[in-house]
């Protein structure tokens, strides 16, 4: 005789539903952590200001020998 369909290796539907919910929660948490890490990597630290033409001219003038 064969076993009833419920016991032929199939999981409990409630258990399967909880496993799917937990898997989706893990994926959502991983995506949120990844987005937060990318945000902090690109926008978390400020870059120093770019040198201006005046900065370059001051460096060149200070390097010139005085007469």
PDB file of N, CA and C in Angstrom:
ATOM      1  N   UNK A   1       0.833  -1.196   0.000  1.00  0.00           N
ATOM      2  CA  UNK A   1       0.000   0.000   0.000  1.00  0.00           C
ATOM      3  C   UNK A   1       0.874   1.255   0.000  1.00  0.00           C
ATOM      4  N   UNK A   2       0.376   2.269  -0.610  1.00  0.00           N
ATOM      5  CA  UNK A   2       1.137   3.526  -0.612  1.00  0.00           C
ATOM      6  C   UNK A   2       0.631   4.426   0.510  1.00  0.00           C
ATOM      7  N   UNK A   3       1.525   5.288   0.927  1.00  0.00           N
ATOM      8  CA  UNK A   3       1.185   6.208   2.013  1.00  0.00           C
ATOM      9  C   UNK A   3       0.274   7.309   1.488  1.00  0.00           C
ATOM     10  N   UNK A   4      -0.475   7.961   2.396  1.00  0.00           N
ATOM     11  CA  UNK A   4      -1.306   9.091   1.965  1.00  0.00           C
ATOM     12  C   UNK A   4      -0.430  10.213   1.386  1.00  0.00           C
ATOM     13  N   UNK A   5      -0.983  11.029   0.511  1.00  0.00           N
ATOM     14  CA  UNK A   5      -0.181  12.088  -0.137  1.00  0.00           C
ATOM     15  C   UNK A   5       0.480  13.039   0.849  1.00  0.00           C
ATOM     16  N   UNK A   6      -0.094  13.250   2.024  1.00  0.00           N
ATOM     17  CA  UNK A   6       0.480  14.205   2.966  1.00  0.00           C
ATOM     18  C   UNK A   6       1.821  13.727   3.521  1.00  0.00           C
ATOM     19  N   UNK A   7       2.030  12.428   3.566  1.00  0.00           N
ATOM     20  CA  UNK A   7       3.238  11.913   4.207  1.00  0.00           C
ATOM     21  C   UNK A   7       4.254  11.374   3.219  1.00  0.00           C
ATOM     22  N   UNK A   8       4.093  11.581   1.953  1.00  0.00           N
ATOM     23  CA  UNK A   8       5.034  11.062   0.966  1.00  0.00           C
ATOM     24  C   UNK A   8       6.191  12.034   0.749  1.00  0.00           C
ATOM     25  N   UNK A   9       6.885  12.412   1.820  1.00  0.00           N
ATOM     26  CA  UNK A   9       8.054  13.267   1.696  1.00  0.00           C
ATOM     27  C   UNK A   9       7.752  14.740   1.510  1.00  0.00           C
ATOM     28  N   UNK A  10       6.508  15.123   1.465  1.00  0.00           N
ATOM     29  CA  UNK A  10       6.197  16.541   1.319  1.00  0.00           C
ATOM     30  C   UNK A  10       6.205  17.197   2.695  1.00  0.00           C
ATOM     31  N   UNK A  11       6.731  18.402   2.746  1.00  0.00           N
ATOM     32  CA  UNK A  11       6.785  19.133   4.007  1.00  0.00           C
ATOM     33  C   UNK A  11       5.414  19.655   4.397  1.00  0.00           C
ATOM     34  N   UNK A  12       5.294  19.982   5.636  1.00  0.00           N
ATOM     35  CA  UNK A  12       4.080  20.617   6.134  1.00  0.00           C
ATOM     36  C   UNK A  12       3.935  21.972   5.434  1.00  0.00           C
ATOM     37  N   UNK A  13       2.771  22.304   4.899  1.00  0.00           N
ATOM     38  CA  UNK A  13       2.627  23.599   4.194  1.00  0.00           C
ATOM     39  C   UNK A  13       2.963  24.799   5.081  1.00  0.00           C
ATOM     40  N   UNK A  14       2.625  24.693   6.371  1.00  0.00           N
ATOM     41  CA  UNK A  14       2.957  25.818   7.254  1.00  0.00           C
ATOM     42  C   UNK A  14       4.461  25.950   7.410  1.00  0.00           C
ATOM     43  N   UNK A  15       5.170  24.850   7.521  1.00  0.00           N
ATOM     44  CA  UNK A  15       6.626  24.906   7.668  1.00  0.00           C
ATOM     45  C   UNK A  15       7.260  25.472   6.400  1.00  0.00           C
ATOM     46  N   UNK A  16       6.769  25.023   5.252  1.00  0.00           N
ATOM     47  CA  UNK A  16       7.306  25.526   3.988  1.00  0.00           C
ATOM     48  C   UNK A  16       7.067  27.031   3.860  1.00  0.00           C
ATOM     49  N   UNK A  17       5.871  27.488   4.272  1.00  0.00           N
ATOM     50  CA  UNK A  17       5.556  28.914   4.211  1.00  0.00           C
ATOM     51  C   UNK A  17       6.512  29.714   5.084  1.00  0.00           C
ATOM     52  N   UNK A  18       6.797  29.214   6.309  1.00  0.00           N
ATOM     53  CA  UNK A  18       7.724  29.920   7.196  1.00  0.00           C
ATOM     54  C   UNK A  18       9.141  29.927   6.627  1.00  0.00           C
ATOM     55  N   UNK A  19       9.548  28.835   5.992  1.00  0.00           N
ATOM     56  CA  UNK A  19      10.884  28.802   5.388  1.00  0.00           C
ATOM     57  C   UNK A  19      10.992  29.825   4.268  1.00  0.00           C
ATOM     58  N   UNK A  20       9.933  29.962   3.475  1.00  0.00           N
ATOM     59  CA  UNK A  20       9.937  30.954   2.399  1.00  0.00           C
ATOM     60  C   UNK A  20       9.972  32.360   2.976  1.00  0.00           C
ATOM     61  N   UNK A  21       9.194  32.616   4.022  1.00  0.00           N
ATOM     62  CA  UNK A  21       9.185  33.947   4.649  1.00  0.00           C
ATOM     63  C   UNK A  21      10.563  34.273   5.216  1.00  0.00           C
ATOM     64  N   UNK A  22      11.198  33.306   5.871  1.00  0.00           N
ATOM     65  CA  UNK A  22      12.534  33.543   6.439  1.00  0.00           C
ATOM     66  C   UNK A  22      13.546  33.788   5.326  1.00  0.00           C
ATOM     67  N   UNK A  23      13.461  33.023   4.237  1.00  0.00           N
ATOM     68  CA  UNK A  23      14.382  33.220   3.119  1.00  0.00           C
ATOM     69  C   UNK A  23      14.211  34.605   2.506  1.00  0.00           C
ATOM     70  N   UNK A  24      12.971  35.038   2.331  1.00  0.00           N
ATOM     71  CA  UNK A  24      12.722  36.371   1.780  1.00  0.00           C
ATOM     72  C   UNK A  24      13.237  37.441   2.743  1.00  0.00           C
ATOM     73  N   UNK A  25      13.047  37.250   4.036  1.00  0.00           N
ATOM     74  CA  UNK A  25      13.539  38.218   5.019  1.00  0.00           C
ATOM     75  C   UNK A  25      15.060  38.312   4.967  1.00  0.00           C
ATOM     76  N   UNK A  26      15.738  37.180   4.822  1.00  0.00           N
ATOM     77  CA  UNK A  26      17.203  37.199   4.739  1.00  0.00           C
ATOM     78  C   UNK A  26      17.658  37.947   3.495  1.00  0.00           C
ATOM     79  N   UNK A  27      16.974  37.727   2.379  1.00  0.00           N
ATOM     80  CA  UNK A  27      17.334  38.428   1.139  1.00  0.00           C
ATOM     81  C   UNK A  27      17.097  39.918   1.286  1.00  0.00           C
ATOM     82  N   UNK A  28      15.986  40.312   1.877  1.00  0.00           N
ATOM     83  CA  UNK A  28      15.687  41.743   2.065  1.00  0.00           C
ATOM     84  C   UNK A  28      16.730  42.387   2.971  1.00  0.00           C
ATOM     85  N   UNK A  29      17.086  41.710   4.060  1.00  0.00           N
ATOM     86  CA  UNK A  29      18.098  42.261   4.970  1.00  0.00           C
ATOM     87  C   UNK A  29      19.432  42.390   4.257  1.00  0.00           C
ATOM     88  N   UNK A  30      19.806  41.397   3.452  1.00  0.00           N
ATOM     89  CA  UNK A  30      21.069  41.463   2.723  1.00  0.00           C
ATOM     90  C   UNK A  30      21.077  42.630   1.733  1.00  0.00           C
ATOM     91  N   UNK A  31      19.960  42.852   1.063  1.00  0.00           N
ATOM     92  CA  UNK A  31      19.886  43.970   0.114  1.00  0.00           C
ATOM     93  C   UNK A  31      19.987  45.302   0.853  1.00  0.00           C
ATOM     94  N   UNK A  32      19.308  45.435   1.975  1.00  0.00           N
ATOM     95  CA  UNK A  32      19.357  46.686   2.741  1.00  0.00           C
ATOM     96  C   UNK A  32      20.770  46.938   3.250  1.00  0.00           C
ATOM     97  N   UNK A  33      21.426  45.915   3.768  1.00  0.00           N
ATOM     98  CA  UNK A  33      22.800  46.080   4.263  1.00  0.00           C
ATOM     99  C   UNK A  33      23.736  46.437   3.108  1.00  0.00           C
ATOM    100  N   UNK A  34      23.548  45.806   1.971  1.00  0.00           N
ATOM    101  CA  UNK A  34      24.373  46.130   0.805  1.00  0.00           C
ATOM    102  C   UNK A  34      24.171  47.555   0.329  1.00  0.00           C
ATOM    103  N   UNK A  35      22.924  47.999   0.295  1.00  0.00           N
ATOM    104  CA  UNK A  35      22.665  49.388  -0.115  1.00  0.00           C
ATOM    105  C   UNK A  35      23.249  50.382   0.891  1.00  0.00           C
ATOM    106  N   UNK A  36      23.139  50.068   2.179  1.00  0.00           N
ATOM    107  CA  UNK A  36      23.704  50.949   3.203  1.00  0.00           C
ATOM    108  C   UNK A  36      25.227  51.007   3.071  1.00  0.00           C
ATOM    109  N   UNK A  37      25.857  49.868   2.818  1.00  0.00           N
ATOM    110  CA  UNK A  37      27.311  49.850   2.654  1.00  0.00           C
ATOM    111  C   UNK A  37      27.728  50.650   1.418  1.00  0.00           C
ATOM    112  N   UNK A  38      27.004  50.501   0.321  1.00  0.00           N
ATOM    113  CA  UNK A  38      27.327  51.262  -0.887  1.00  0.00           C
ATOM    114  C   UNK A  38      27.127  52.756  -0.653  1.00  0.00           C
ATOM    115  N   UNK A  39      26.051  53.109   0.028  1.00  0.00           N
ATOM    116  CA  UNK A  39      25.799  54.525   0.322  1.00  0.00           C
ATOM    117  C   UNK A  39      26.940  55.108   1.158  1.00  0.00           C
ATOM    118  N   UNK A  40      27.337  54.395   2.202  1.00  0.00           N
ATOM    119  CA  UNK A  40      28.421  54.894   3.046  1.00  0.00           C
ATOM    120  C   UNK A  40      29.741  54.932   2.296  1.00  0.00           C
ATOM    121  N   UNK A  41      29.964  53.970   1.418  1.00  0.00           N
ATOM    122  CA  UNK A  41      31.216  53.950   0.654  1.00  0.00           C
ATOM    123  C   UNK A  41      31.312  55.149  -0.272  1.00  0.00           C
ATOM    124  N   UNK A  42      30.223  55.455  -0.967  1.00  0.00           N
ATOM    125  CA  UNK A  42      30.272  56.534  -1.953  1.00  0.00           C
ATOM    126  C   UNK A  42      29.987  57.911  -1.363  1.00  0.00           C
ATOM    127  N   UNK A  43      29.137  57.993  -0.339  1.00  0.00           N
ATOM    128  CA  UNK A  43      28.736  59.298   0.166  1.00  0.00           C
ATOM    129  C   UNK A  43      29.098  59.533   1.620  1.00  0.00           C
ATOM    130  N   UNK A  44      29.685  58.554   2.286  1.00  0.00           N
ATOM    131  CA  UNK A  44      29.959  58.680   3.710  1.00  0.00           C
ATOM    132  C   UNK A  44      31.122  59.586   4.034  1.00  0.00           C
ATOM    133  N   UNK A  45      32.102  59.638   3.168  1.00  0.00           N
ATOM    134  CA  UNK A  45      33.267  60.486   3.436  1.00  0.00           C
ATOM    135  C   UNK A  45      33.328  61.582   2.383  1.00  0.00           C
ATOM    136  N   UNK A  46      33.732  62.714   2.819  1.00  0.00           N
ATOM    137  CA  UNK A  46      33.812  63.835   1.886  1.00  0.00           C
ATOM    138  C   UNK A  46      35.204  63.895   1.275  1.00  0.00           C
ATOM    139  N   UNK A  47      35.256  64.139  -0.001  1.00  0.00           N
ATOM    140  CA  UNK A  47      36.535  64.285  -0.688  1.00  0.00           C
ATOM    141  C   UNK A  47      37.101  65.666  -0.395  1.00  0.00           C
ATOM    142  N   UNK A  48      38.403  65.799  -0.376  1.00  0.00           N
ATOM    143  CA  UNK A  48      38.975  67.129  -0.189  1.00  0.00           C
ATOM    144  C   UNK A  48      38.604  68.014  -1.376  1.00  0.00           C
ATOM    145  N   UNK A  49      38.559  69.305  -1.154  1.00  0.00           N
ATOM    146  CA  UNK A  49      38.197  70.181  -2.270  1.00  0.00           C
ATOM    147  C   UNK A  49      39.242  70.104  -3.385  1.00  0.00           C
ATOM    148  N   UNK A  50      38.773  70.218  -4.601  1.00  0.00           N
ATOM    149  CA  UNK A  50      39.681  70.179  -5.744  1.00  0.00           C
ATOM    150  C   UNK A  50      40.531  71.440  -5.768  1.00  0.00           C
ATOM    151  N   UNK A  51      41.785  71.310  -6.161  1.00  0.00           N
ATOM    152  CA  UNK A  51      42.625  72.504  -6.231  1.00  0.00           C
ATOM    153  C   UNK A  51      42.116  73.470  -7.300  1.00  0.00           C
ATOM    154  N   UNK A  52      42.266  74.736  -7.020  1.00  0.00           N
ATOM    155  CA  UNK A  52      41.820  75.763  -7.961  1.00  0.00           C
ATOM    156  C   UNK A  52      43.022  76.300  -8.714  1.00  0.00           C
ATOM    157  N   UNK A  53      42.756  77.134  -9.675  1.00  0.00           N
ATOM    158  CA  UNK A  53      43.841  77.764 -10.427  1.00  0.00           C
ATOM    159  C   UNK A  53      44.672  78.652  -9.512  1.00  0.00           C
ATOM    160  N   UNK A  54      44.044  79.318  -8.568  1.00  0.00           N
ATOM    161  CA  UNK A  54      44.787  80.158  -7.625  1.00  0.00           C
ATOM    162  C   UNK A  54      45.752  79.322  -6.779  1.00  0.00           C
ATOM    163  N   UNK A  55      45.319  78.140  -6.362  1.00  0.00           N
ATOM    164  CA  UNK A  55      46.206  77.255  -5.602  1.00  0.00           C
ATOM    165  C   UNK A  55      47.423  76.882  -6.433  1.00  0.00           C
ATOM    166  N   UNK A  56      47.211  76.553  -7.707  1.00  0.00           N
ATOM    167  CA  UNK A  56      48.323  76.179  -8.574  1.00  0.00           C
ATOM    168  C   UNK A  56      49.275  77.348  -8.778  1.00  0.00           C
ATOM    169  N   UNK A  57      48.728  78.550  -8.969  1.00  0.00           N
ATOM    170  CA  UNK A  57      49.594  79.724  -9.161  1.00  0.00           C
ATOM    171  C   UNK A  57      50.404  80.030  -7.898  1.00  0.00           C
ATOM    172  N   UNK A  58      49.812  79.850  -6.727  1.00  0.00           N
ATOM    173  CA  UNK A  58      50.551  80.088  -5.484  1.00  0.00           C
ATOM    174  C   UNK A  58      51.701  79.098  -5.340  1.00  0.00           C
ATOM    175  N   UNK A  59      51.478  77.863  -5.717  1.00  0.00           N
ATOM    176  CA  UNK A  59      52.554  76.863  -5.647  1.00  0.00           C
ATOM    177  C   UNK A  59      53.653  77.223  -6.621  1.00  0.00           C
ATOM    178  N   UNK A  60      53.283  77.628  -7.817  1.00  0.00           N
ATOM    179  CA  UNK A  60      54.310  77.992  -8.797  1.00  0.00           C
ATOM    180  C   UNK A  60      55.075  79.245  -8.373  1.00  0.00           C
ATOM    181  N   UNK A  61      54.399  80.212  -7.795  1.00  0.00           N
ATOM    182  CA  UNK A  61      55.074  81.439  -7.378  1.00  0.00           C
ATOM    183  C   UNK A  61      55.982  81.180  -6.186  1.00  0.00           C
ATOM    184  N   UNK A  62      55.618  80.313  -5.296  1.00  0.00           N
ATOM    185  CA  UNK A  62      56.460  80.046  -4.134  1.00  0.00           C
ATOM    186  C   UNK A  62      57.686  79.222  -4.545  1.00  0.00           C
ATOM    187  N   UNK A  63      57.616  78.483  -5.649  1.00  0.00           N
ATOM    188  CA  UNK A  63      58.753  77.672  -6.088  1.00  0.00           C
ATOM    189  C   UNK A  63      59.734  78.496  -6.921  1.00  0.00           C
ATOM    190  N   UNK A  64      59.318  79.654  -7.401  1.00  0.00           N
ATOM    191  CA  UNK A  64      60.201  80.476  -8.236  1.00  0.00           C
ATOM    192  C   UNK A  64      61.282  81.110  -7.373  1.00  0.00           C
ATOM    193  N   UNK A  65      62.507  81.156  -7.889  1.00  0.00           N
ATOM    194  CA  UNK A  65      63.597  81.787  -7.096  1.00  0.00           C
ATOM    195  C   UNK A  65      63.359  83.289  -6.965  1.00  0.00           C
ATOM    196  N   UNK A  66      63.604  83.779  -5.784  1.00  0.00           N
ATOM    197  CA  UNK A  66      63.410  85.227  -5.578  1.00  0.00           C
ATOM    198  C   UNK A  66      64.638  85.980  -6.057  1.00  0.00           C
ATOM    199  N   UNK A  67      64.423  87.154  -6.616  1.00  0.00           N
ATOM    200  CA  UNK A  67      65.522  87.929  -7.152  1.00  0.00           C
ATOM    201  C   UNK A  67      65.912  89.044  -6.212  1.00  0.00           C
TER     202      UNK A  67
END
